[in-house]
Structures are given as C-alpha cells and as structure tokens.
Amino acid sequence: PDSQTQTGSSDSLTVSDLINGGYLPANFSAANSFQQIPQVLFRRILPNGIVCNLQQPTPTCQTLMEAVIVTSGGQYLDQAHASHIAALIGANAGIVTDSGTATGIFGSWCIDFNLFGGAQSGNCRNHDGRASQSQAIPQSGLMPSSGHLAVALFFNGGVLMSEYLDRFATGNAEDNSMHTNLNMAGNNISEAQLINSQQINVANWVQIGGVTLQSQNQTLTLQGPKDANGIPAPAVLTADSIYAQSYFQSSDARLKTNARRLVDALPLIEKINGYRYNWKNSGQADIGFIAQQLKPILPEAVSQKPDGTLAVKYDLLNALEVEAIKDLNHKLQGIEARLNSEGEANFTIRPQNP
C-alpha cells in the first residue's frame, strides 16, 4: 500500500540533528569525501498478519522500524564507482539507482523510497506489501537521485537488526538469531558444544562418542566402535525401564562356534539363591539375583557395566533351567524304574486318569 503521511513530526534525521542530540561528536563532518550529505529516513511497519493502528499504536502493538541512510548533493558517482564504495562499507550498503529505488550490493536488498514517503515508486522486483507509515520525503528537503549511496538499517523494538548473522556476541540477541530455515546444502556443522531442539529428524544414523545408532528397514541398530578388522564391538544400552511387545535375541547357529551341551545344570541351580531386595536409588521392591553371588557359579551370566557395577543376563538362565528340568525328569524316571523293578507297585508313579 501507499505510504501514509504522518503530520506534525519528522521521520528523518540529518547529521546536525544527530550532533545536537549528542549521538555524534561536534566535529563530525556533515558531508563525505564527495561532498554528499547523508540523511536518515524512517518508516514504521507492521509484520504480516498483525492488526494495529499505526497512527496511534498501543503498547501491545509490536511495530517494526526500518531506516535508510541516503546521500544527496555533491559529486555524482557513476554506478561502478558507487558500487565499489558500497562493497567496502559492508552488506547493508548499496546505491541509489533512481529517484525511487535503492539497491544493496549484489542485489542483496531493494528499498522503494515510496514506502518512506517518496513521490516516485521504486523498481524493486519483489513488492513490499506490508502496511507502513512515514512522513513524505519532500517535507525533509531530500529528493533521492542516482549517483548517490544508501545504507539500509532494520530495527525491531528500537534494536538494530541486520539481514546477516553476526559471528560474535554483540549483546543483541537479534544479531545471532535466524528467522527462517537454515539449509546447509550437504555441509557439516562441527565443534558444537550444545544443541537444544524440540525435535531432531535423522535420515540414517547418529554417532554418539564411539557408539553408532542406525535406522534401516524399520530396525534400530546399536553398535560399538569398530576394531582393526572393521567389526563393530557390542554396544551397551542402559535404561531404568524398557517396555516392548516382543523381545528377540540373536541365536542363529551360523553366528556361533564351539557349541556344546550344558551339563550338571541341576547342581548349579542348587547353588544359586533368589532374593527379595529394594533398589537404593528408588527404594522400589524387586526380586532377582545378586550378581556377586552368581558370578563364581555362572560367570557367563554376569557382565560389568561401563560404570563398574555388575549386571546379570537373566535370559541366559533360561538354558540352565531347561537342562535342570531335564535332569530332574531323568531322576524321576530312574526312581520310577527302580520302584517297578522292586515290585513295589503301590509306589509306582503312574499318570492320573482324566
């Protein structure tokens, strides 16, 4: 939309205004080396989607401010010379291409002076449709023209904004804030101390220290660091609780070697004690084994965690229990055979009729 004229106040600043206000030293030159005189033009705008009275904004009306420094008078600068000077000034600098337009170096930004109260519309490729308010430029005595310099300034709540991220902490959080998605185009982000995020979406795998977490074919694989032969070591997952509908453990014969029958399972079972206990950290009651008591009896069932404490592979005890039950069954069959051979039929163990 067209600019709205704000009467009774000034929307521009001159070097003299800044000197008189104490913002510039008294000996600051009012003109540059080409005798061009700078002047600051302002406009107040509303971000898209915000409803607010620009003429009389309330404290909750979060308006933005944009400003542009424009030079006038003095020596005319051709476009090549003016562009070279603007490039030396920095990313916010540009040139006045016509009486309605200022363009940043390499086309990084474009300003329509009509939005700052200019009489002539600019030639910016992308139209700025935000509602804005500014005093008409002719009242400030400035008429933009080509052959002059411009510097764009962007403010948020009175704080200077920049279209570029600052690599150092300036004391203004806006200088180090992104306002859109960041596309690294396949490049890396290295040496980050801490990354805070509400969500992380990883396409393939994540490496944490020497442990790799990989997702493929709806399968999540946890692997430790690889050895000299490129074979990953087993990784340890530590958690207070794990809930799952199904649990499977690798047991393929093709993955094993030196397989042999487990013997004397029943004597081993007789040495193992079950306990009731409470966890120190939570006080929660539980039932299970004591790793230190189990280790000398069945060392394969006990392993040491990274923090030095011991853990029990409870599922390993299933094989021991199966063989112990088979041992008991053999003993019962032997007793039954002996009783039958002695003719003590009353003590013969027979299946009950249904």
Protein backbone atom coordinates (compact mmCIF):
# COMPACT_ATOMS: atom_id res chain seq x y z
CA PRO A 1 0.00 0.00 0.00
CA ASP A 2 0.93 3.62 -0.38
CA SER A 3 2.69 5.32 2.49
CA GLN A 4 0.58 7.15 5.00
CA THR A 5 1.68 10.69 5.77
CA GLN A 6 2.28 11.37 9.45
CA THR A 7 1.93 15.11 10.03
CA GLY A 8 3.27 17.15 12.92
CA SER A 9 6.51 15.19 13.33
CA SER A 10 9.71 14.39 11.45
CA ASP A 11 10.59 10.98 10.01
CA SER A 12 14.13 11.95 9.02
CA LEU A 13 17.40 12.85 10.73
CA THR A 14 20.30 14.93 9.49
CA VAL A 15 23.90 14.96 10.68
CA SER A 16 23.13 18.21 12.52
CA ASP A 17 20.22 16.52 14.33
CA LEU A 18 22.50 13.70 15.47
CA ILE A 19 25.21 16.13 16.60
CA ASN A 20 22.70 18.26 18.52
CA GLY A 21 21.26 15.12 20.12
CA GLY A 22 24.69 14.03 21.35
CA TYR A 23 24.86 10.95 19.13
CA LEU A 24 27.76 12.28 17.04
CA PRO A 25 30.79 14.38 18.07
CA ALA A 26 30.62 18.12 17.35
CA ASN A 27 33.45 17.91 14.80
CA PHE A 28 31.73 15.18 12.75
CA SER A 29 31.70 16.16 9.07
CA ALA A 30 28.29 16.83 7.56
CA ALA A 31 29.48 15.62 4.12
CA ASN A 32 31.54 12.73 2.82
CA SER A 33 34.66 12.93 0.64
CA PHE A 34 32.45 13.58 -2.40
CA GLN A 35 30.59 16.40 -0.60
CA GLN A 36 27.48 14.28 -0.49
CA ILE A 37 25.36 14.90 2.61
CA PRO A 38 23.81 11.88 4.41
CA GLN A 39 20.30 11.88 5.80
CA VAL A 40 18.34 9.18 7.64
CA LEU A 41 14.79 8.31 6.55
CA PHE A 42 12.43 6.21 8.70
CA ARG A 43 9.24 4.26 8.29
CA ARG A 44 7.18 2.24 10.77
CA ILE A 45 5.75 -1.06 9.54
CA LEU A 46 3.62 -3.94 10.70
CA PRO A 47 4.64 -7.58 10.25
CA ASN A 48 2.22 -9.62 8.15
CA GLY A 49 -0.89 -10.76 9.98
CA ILE A 50 -0.71 -8.19 12.81
CA VAL A 51 -3.63 -5.78 13.23
CA CYS A 52 -2.64 -2.47 14.77
CA ASN A 53 -3.34 1.26 14.49
CA LEU A 54 -0.20 2.78 13.01
CA GLN A 55 -1.34 6.32 13.76
CA GLN A 56 -1.78 5.65 17.49
CA PRO A 57 -0.07 2.34 18.35
CA THR A 58 -0.79 0.78 21.74
CA PRO A 59 1.91 -0.79 23.99
CA THR A 60 0.92 -4.22 22.69
CA CYS A 61 1.32 -3.13 19.07
CA GLN A 62 4.63 -4.74 18.07
CA THR A 63 5.61 -2.49 15.17
CA LEU A 64 8.95 -2.67 13.40
CA MET A 65 11.09 0.21 12.22
CA GLU A 66 13.16 0.45 9.06
CA ALA A 67 15.58 3.21 8.19
CA VAL A 68 17.74 4.06 5.22
CA ILE A 69 20.68 6.45 5.10
CA VAL A 70 20.74 8.29 1.77
CA THR A 71 23.27 10.81 0.49
CA SER A 72 22.34 13.79 -1.66
CA GLY A 73 24.08 16.64 -3.45
CA GLY A 74 27.82 16.78 -4.02
CA GLN A 75 29.68 14.88 -6.73
CA TYR A 76 27.79 12.43 -8.93
CA LEU A 77 29.17 8.87 -8.70
CA ASP A 78 28.87 6.51 -11.64
CA GLN A 79 27.40 3.10 -10.86
CA ALA A 80 30.73 1.22 -10.91
CA HIS A 81 32.39 3.71 -8.55
CA ALA A 82 29.38 3.86 -6.22
CA SER A 83 29.07 0.05 -6.12
CA HIS A 84 32.76 -0.30 -5.21
CA ILE A 85 32.35 2.14 -2.30
CA ALA A 86 29.20 0.34 -1.12
CA ALA A 87 31.02 -3.01 -1.15
CA LEU A 88 33.72 -1.52 1.08
CA ILE A 89 31.09 -0.24 3.53
CA GLY A 90 29.51 -3.67 4.08
CA ALA A 91 26.49 -5.88 3.49
CA ASN A 92 23.93 -3.20 4.45
CA ALA A 93 25.28 -0.69 1.93
CA GLY A 94 24.01 -0.03 -1.58
CA ILE A 95 23.46 2.64 -4.20
CA VAL A 96 20.58 4.85 -5.32
CA THR A 97 19.73 3.58 -8.80
CA ASP A 98 16.92 6.08 -9.49
CA SER A 99 14.76 8.58 -7.62
CA GLY A 100 12.52 5.78 -6.36
CA THR A 101 14.93 2.90 -5.70
CA ALA A 102 17.97 1.97 -3.63
CA THR A 103 19.61 -1.42 -4.19
CA GLY A 104 22.03 -3.34 -1.95
CA ILE A 105 25.35 -4.62 -3.22
CA PHE A 106 25.00 -7.73 -5.38
CA GLY A 107 21.21 -7.22 -5.20
CA SER A 108 21.04 -8.36 -1.56
CA TRP A 109 18.16 -5.96 -0.79
CA CYS A 110 15.97 -3.37 -2.52
CA ILE A 111 14.20 -0.36 -0.99
CA ASP A 112 11.27 1.52 -2.50
CA PHE A 113 11.55 5.19 -1.49
CA ASN A 114 7.80 5.48 -2.00
CA LEU A 115 7.40 3.49 1.23
CA PHE A 116 9.47 6.15 3.01
CA GLY A 117 7.30 8.97 1.69
CA GLY A 118 8.87 9.35 -1.74
CA ALA A 119 6.86 10.75 -4.61
CA GLN A 120 8.05 8.13 -7.10
CA SER A 121 7.55 4.37 -6.80
CA GLY A 122 10.62 2.17 -6.91
CA ASN A 123 11.57 -0.57 -9.32
CA CYS A 124 12.12 -3.38 -6.81
CA ARG A 125 11.44 -6.83 -8.26
CA ASN A 126 9.57 -8.02 -5.15
CA HIS A 127 6.91 -5.63 -3.86
CA ASP A 128 6.86 -4.95 -0.09
CA GLY A 129 3.17 -5.16 0.76
CA ARG A 130 3.45 -4.51 4.50
CA ALA A 131 1.43 -1.62 5.90
CA SER A 132 3.78 1.29 6.56
CA GLN A 133 3.77 4.87 7.79
CA SER A 134 6.25 7.63 7.04
CA GLN A 135 6.37 11.37 6.52
CA ALA A 136 6.56 12.49 2.91
CA ILE A 137 10.19 12.90 1.82
CA PRO A 138 9.71 16.36 0.24
CA GLN A 139 9.00 17.74 3.73
CA SER A 140 12.52 16.72 4.77
CA GLY A 141 14.06 18.59 1.84
CA LEU A 142 15.55 15.41 0.32
CA MET A 143 14.91 14.18 -3.21
CA PRO A 144 16.77 10.88 -3.88
CA SER A 145 18.63 10.62 -7.16
CA SER A 146 21.03 8.20 -8.84
CA GLY A 147 24.76 8.56 -8.33
CA HIS A 148 24.46 8.51 -4.53
CA LEU A 149 24.95 6.00 -1.72
CA ALA A 150 22.46 4.27 0.59
CA VAL A 151 22.72 2.13 3.73
CA ALA A 152 19.72 0.08 4.92
CA LEU A 153 19.01 -0.28 8.65
CA PHE A 154 16.41 -2.60 10.16
CA PHE A 155 15.07 -2.24 13.72
CA ASN A 156 12.94 -4.40 15.98
CA GLY A 157 11.59 -2.66 19.05
CA GLY A 158 14.25 0.03 18.70
CA VAL A 159 17.08 -2.51 18.36
CA LEU A 160 19.11 -2.51 15.16
CA MET A 161 18.54 -5.59 13.02
CA SER A 162 20.68 -6.97 10.23
CA GLU A 163 19.92 -9.31 7.34
CA TYR A 164 23.13 -11.19 8.21
CA LEU A 165 24.10 -13.30 11.22
CA ASP A 166 26.89 -11.96 13.40
CA ARG A 167 29.66 -14.43 14.25
CA PHE A 168 30.24 -12.82 17.66
CA ALA A 169 28.01 -11.98 20.62
CA THR A 170 27.12 -8.29 20.31
CA GLY A 171 24.82 -8.08 23.31
CA ASN A 172 21.83 -8.05 20.96
CA ALA A 173 20.23 -11.49 20.58
CA GLU A 174 18.76 -10.42 17.24
CA ASP A 175 22.24 -10.30 15.70
CA ASN A 176 22.63 -14.04 16.34
CA SER A 177 19.08 -15.19 15.55
CA MET A 178 17.73 -16.97 12.48
CA HIS A 179 14.21 -16.17 11.25
CA THR A 180 13.93 -18.91 8.65
CA ASN A 181 15.12 -22.47 7.98
CA LEU A 182 18.85 -22.99 7.60
CA ASN A 183 19.87 -25.20 4.65
CA MET A 184 23.49 -26.39 4.92
CA ALA A 185 23.40 -27.87 1.37
CA GLY A 186 25.19 -31.05 2.46
CA ASN A 187 27.85 -29.28 4.53
CA ASN A 188 28.75 -30.09 8.14
CA ILE A 189 28.27 -28.30 11.45
CA SER A 190 31.33 -29.04 13.58
CA GLU A 191 32.59 -28.39 17.12
CA ALA A 192 29.14 -27.60 18.59
CA GLN A 193 29.14 -27.50 22.40
CA LEU A 194 25.38 -27.94 22.92
CA ILE A 195 22.40 -28.24 20.56
CA ASN A 196 18.94 -27.60 22.04
CA SER A 197 16.00 -28.66 19.90
CA GLN A 198 12.37 -29.70 20.24
CA GLN A 199 12.80 -32.33 17.54
CA ILE A 200 15.66 -33.97 15.64
CA ASN A 201 14.97 -35.79 12.37
CA VAL A 202 17.85 -38.03 11.23
CA ALA A 203 17.63 -39.88 7.92
CA ASN A 204 20.17 -42.65 8.57
CA TRP A 205 22.37 -42.84 11.65
CA VAL A 206 23.64 -40.95 14.70
CA GLN A 207 27.07 -41.38 16.26
CA ILE A 208 27.44 -40.61 19.97
CA GLY A 209 31.02 -40.97 21.10
CA GLY A 210 32.09 -44.33 19.70
CA VAL A 211 28.55 -45.75 19.59
CA THR A 212 26.50 -45.69 16.38
CA LEU A 213 22.70 -45.66 16.35
CA GLN A 214 21.43 -46.65 12.90
CA SER A 215 17.93 -46.97 11.47
CA GLN A 216 17.32 -49.14 8.42
CA ASN A 217 14.26 -51.11 7.24
CA GLN A 218 12.36 -50.15 10.42
CA THR A 219 15.16 -51.66 12.51
CA LEU A 220 17.16 -49.70 15.08
CA THR A 221 20.73 -50.97 15.47
CA LEU A 222 23.14 -50.01 18.26
CA GLN A 223 26.82 -50.70 17.55
CA GLY A 224 30.04 -50.02 19.41
CA PRO A 225 33.32 -48.82 17.88
CA LYS A 226 34.88 -50.97 15.16
CA ASP A 227 38.06 -52.97 15.72
CA ALA A 228 41.09 -53.18 13.40
CA ASN A 229 39.17 -55.61 11.17
CA GLY A 230 36.21 -53.26 10.83
CA ILE A 231 33.97 -55.39 13.06
CA PRO A 232 31.84 -53.30 15.46
CA ALA A 233 32.04 -54.16 19.14
CA PRO A 234 28.86 -54.85 21.14
CA ALA A 235 27.22 -51.70 22.45
CA VAL A 236 25.59 -51.37 25.87
CA LEU A 237 22.15 -49.79 26.34
CA THR A 238 21.45 -48.68 29.91
CA ALA A 239 17.91 -47.78 30.97
CA ASP A 240 15.80 -47.86 34.12
CA SER A 241 12.89 -49.47 32.27
CA ILE A 242 12.29 -50.86 28.78
CA TYR A 243 8.79 -51.70 27.52
CA ALA A 244 8.21 -53.70 24.34
CA GLN A 245 5.61 -56.00 22.79
CA SER A 246 8.23 -58.52 21.68
CA TYR A 247 11.86 -59.18 22.50
CA PHE A 248 14.24 -61.28 20.40
CA GLN A 249 17.90 -62.12 20.90
CA SER A 250 20.22 -63.38 18.17
CA SER A 251 20.62 -67.18 18.41
CA ASP A 252 21.36 -68.38 14.88
CA ALA A 253 23.75 -71.36 14.78
CA ARG A 254 25.61 -69.63 11.94
CA LEU A 255 26.62 -66.93 14.39
CA LYS A 256 28.08 -69.35 16.96
CA THR A 257 31.08 -71.63 17.35
CA ASN A 258 32.30 -74.21 19.87
CA ALA A 259 28.70 -75.13 20.83
CA ARG A 260 28.46 -77.92 23.47
CA ARG A 261 25.77 -79.31 25.74
CA LEU A 262 25.29 -77.77 29.15
CA VAL A 263 25.87 -80.47 31.79
CA ASP A 264 25.35 -80.59 35.55
CA ALA A 265 22.71 -77.88 35.35
CA LEU A 266 20.83 -79.05 38.47
CA PRO A 267 23.82 -78.73 40.85
CA LEU A 268 24.40 -75.21 39.52
CA ILE A 269 20.75 -74.29 40.13
CA GLU A 270 21.01 -75.57 43.71
CA LYS A 271 23.89 -73.16 44.38
CA ILE A 272 22.03 -70.10 43.13
CA ASN A 273 19.93 -68.10 45.60
CA GLY A 274 16.96 -65.86 44.78
CA TYR A 275 16.49 -62.67 46.81
CA ARG A 276 13.94 -60.03 47.67
CA TYR A 277 15.51 -56.56 47.83
CA ASN A 278 14.99 -52.82 47.36
CA TRP A 279 16.88 -50.58 44.94
CA LYS A 280 18.90 -47.90 46.73
CA ASN A 281 18.19 -45.12 44.24
CA SER A 282 14.39 -45.50 44.20
CA GLY A 283 13.52 -47.76 47.14
CA GLN A 284 11.48 -49.91 44.75
CA ALA A 285 10.99 -53.54 45.83
CA ASP A 286 12.20 -56.22 43.46
CA ILE A 287 13.06 -59.91 43.15
CA GLY A 288 16.12 -61.36 41.48
CA PHE A 289 19.72 -62.45 41.90
CA ILE A 290 22.83 -60.85 43.36
CA ALA A 291 25.48 -60.58 40.66
CA GLN A 292 28.39 -61.08 43.08
CA GLN A 293 26.84 -64.33 44.37
CA LEU A 294 26.04 -65.56 40.86
CA LYS A 295 29.37 -64.74 39.20
CA PRO A 296 31.51 -67.62 40.61
CA ILE A 297 28.71 -70.11 39.84
CA LEU A 298 27.77 -68.96 36.35
CA PRO A 299 30.30 -66.34 35.16
CA GLU A 300 28.76 -66.18 31.66
CA ALA A 301 25.61 -64.68 33.18
CA VAL A 302 27.39 -61.71 34.77
CA SER A 303 28.94 -58.73 32.99
CA GLN A 304 30.41 -55.43 34.11
CA LYS A 305 28.70 -52.18 33.07
CA PRO A 306 30.68 -49.10 31.95
CA ASP A 307 30.21 -47.56 35.42
CA GLY A 308 31.91 -50.57 37.07
CA THR A 309 28.78 -52.13 38.57
CA LEU A 310 27.75 -55.70 37.71
CA ALA A 311 24.72 -56.78 35.69
CA VAL A 312 23.01 -60.16 35.21
CA LYS A 313 21.92 -61.62 31.86
CA TYR A 314 18.65 -63.04 33.17
CA ASP A 315 17.67 -64.55 29.83
CA LEU A 316 20.83 -66.72 29.90
CA LEU A 317 19.40 -68.58 32.90
CA ASN A 318 16.63 -70.00 30.68
CA ALA A 319 19.02 -72.52 29.15
CA LEU A 320 20.22 -73.55 32.62
CA GLU A 321 16.62 -74.01 33.81
CA VAL A 322 15.73 -76.15 30.78
CA GLU A 323 18.66 -78.51 31.37
CA ALA A 324 17.94 -78.63 35.12
CA ILE A 325 14.31 -79.66 34.43
CA LYS A 326 15.56 -82.38 32.10
CA ASP A 327 17.96 -83.58 34.84
CA LEU A 328 15.05 -83.76 37.30
CA ASN A 329 12.95 -85.67 34.79
CA HIS A 330 15.74 -88.21 34.31
CA LYS A 331 15.99 -88.65 38.10
CA LEU A 332 12.23 -89.21 38.37
CA GLN A 333 12.31 -91.74 35.56
CA GLY A 334 15.13 -93.56 37.34
CA ILE A 335 13.20 -93.66 40.62
CA GLU A 336 10.09 -94.99 38.86
CA ALA A 337 12.09 -97.69 37.10
CA ARG A 338 13.74 -98.76 40.34
CA LEU A 339 10.45 -98.99 42.22
CA ASN A 340 8.88 -101.02 39.45
CA SER A 341 11.81 -103.39 39.42
CA GLU A 342 11.49 -103.97 43.18
CA GLY A 343 7.84 -104.92 42.80
CA GLU A 344 6.52 -102.09 44.93
CA ALA A 345 3.54 -101.38 42.72
CA ASN A 346 1.78 -99.18 45.29
CA PHE A 347 4.53 -96.64 44.96
CA THR A 348 4.75 -96.78 41.22
CA ILE A 349 4.27 -93.35 39.72
CA ARG A 350 1.54 -93.53 37.10
CA PRO A 351 -0.21 -90.80 35.11
CA GLN A 352 -3.61 -89.92 36.57
CA ASN A 353 -6.70 -90.78 34.55
CA PRO A 354 -8.52 -87.75 33.21
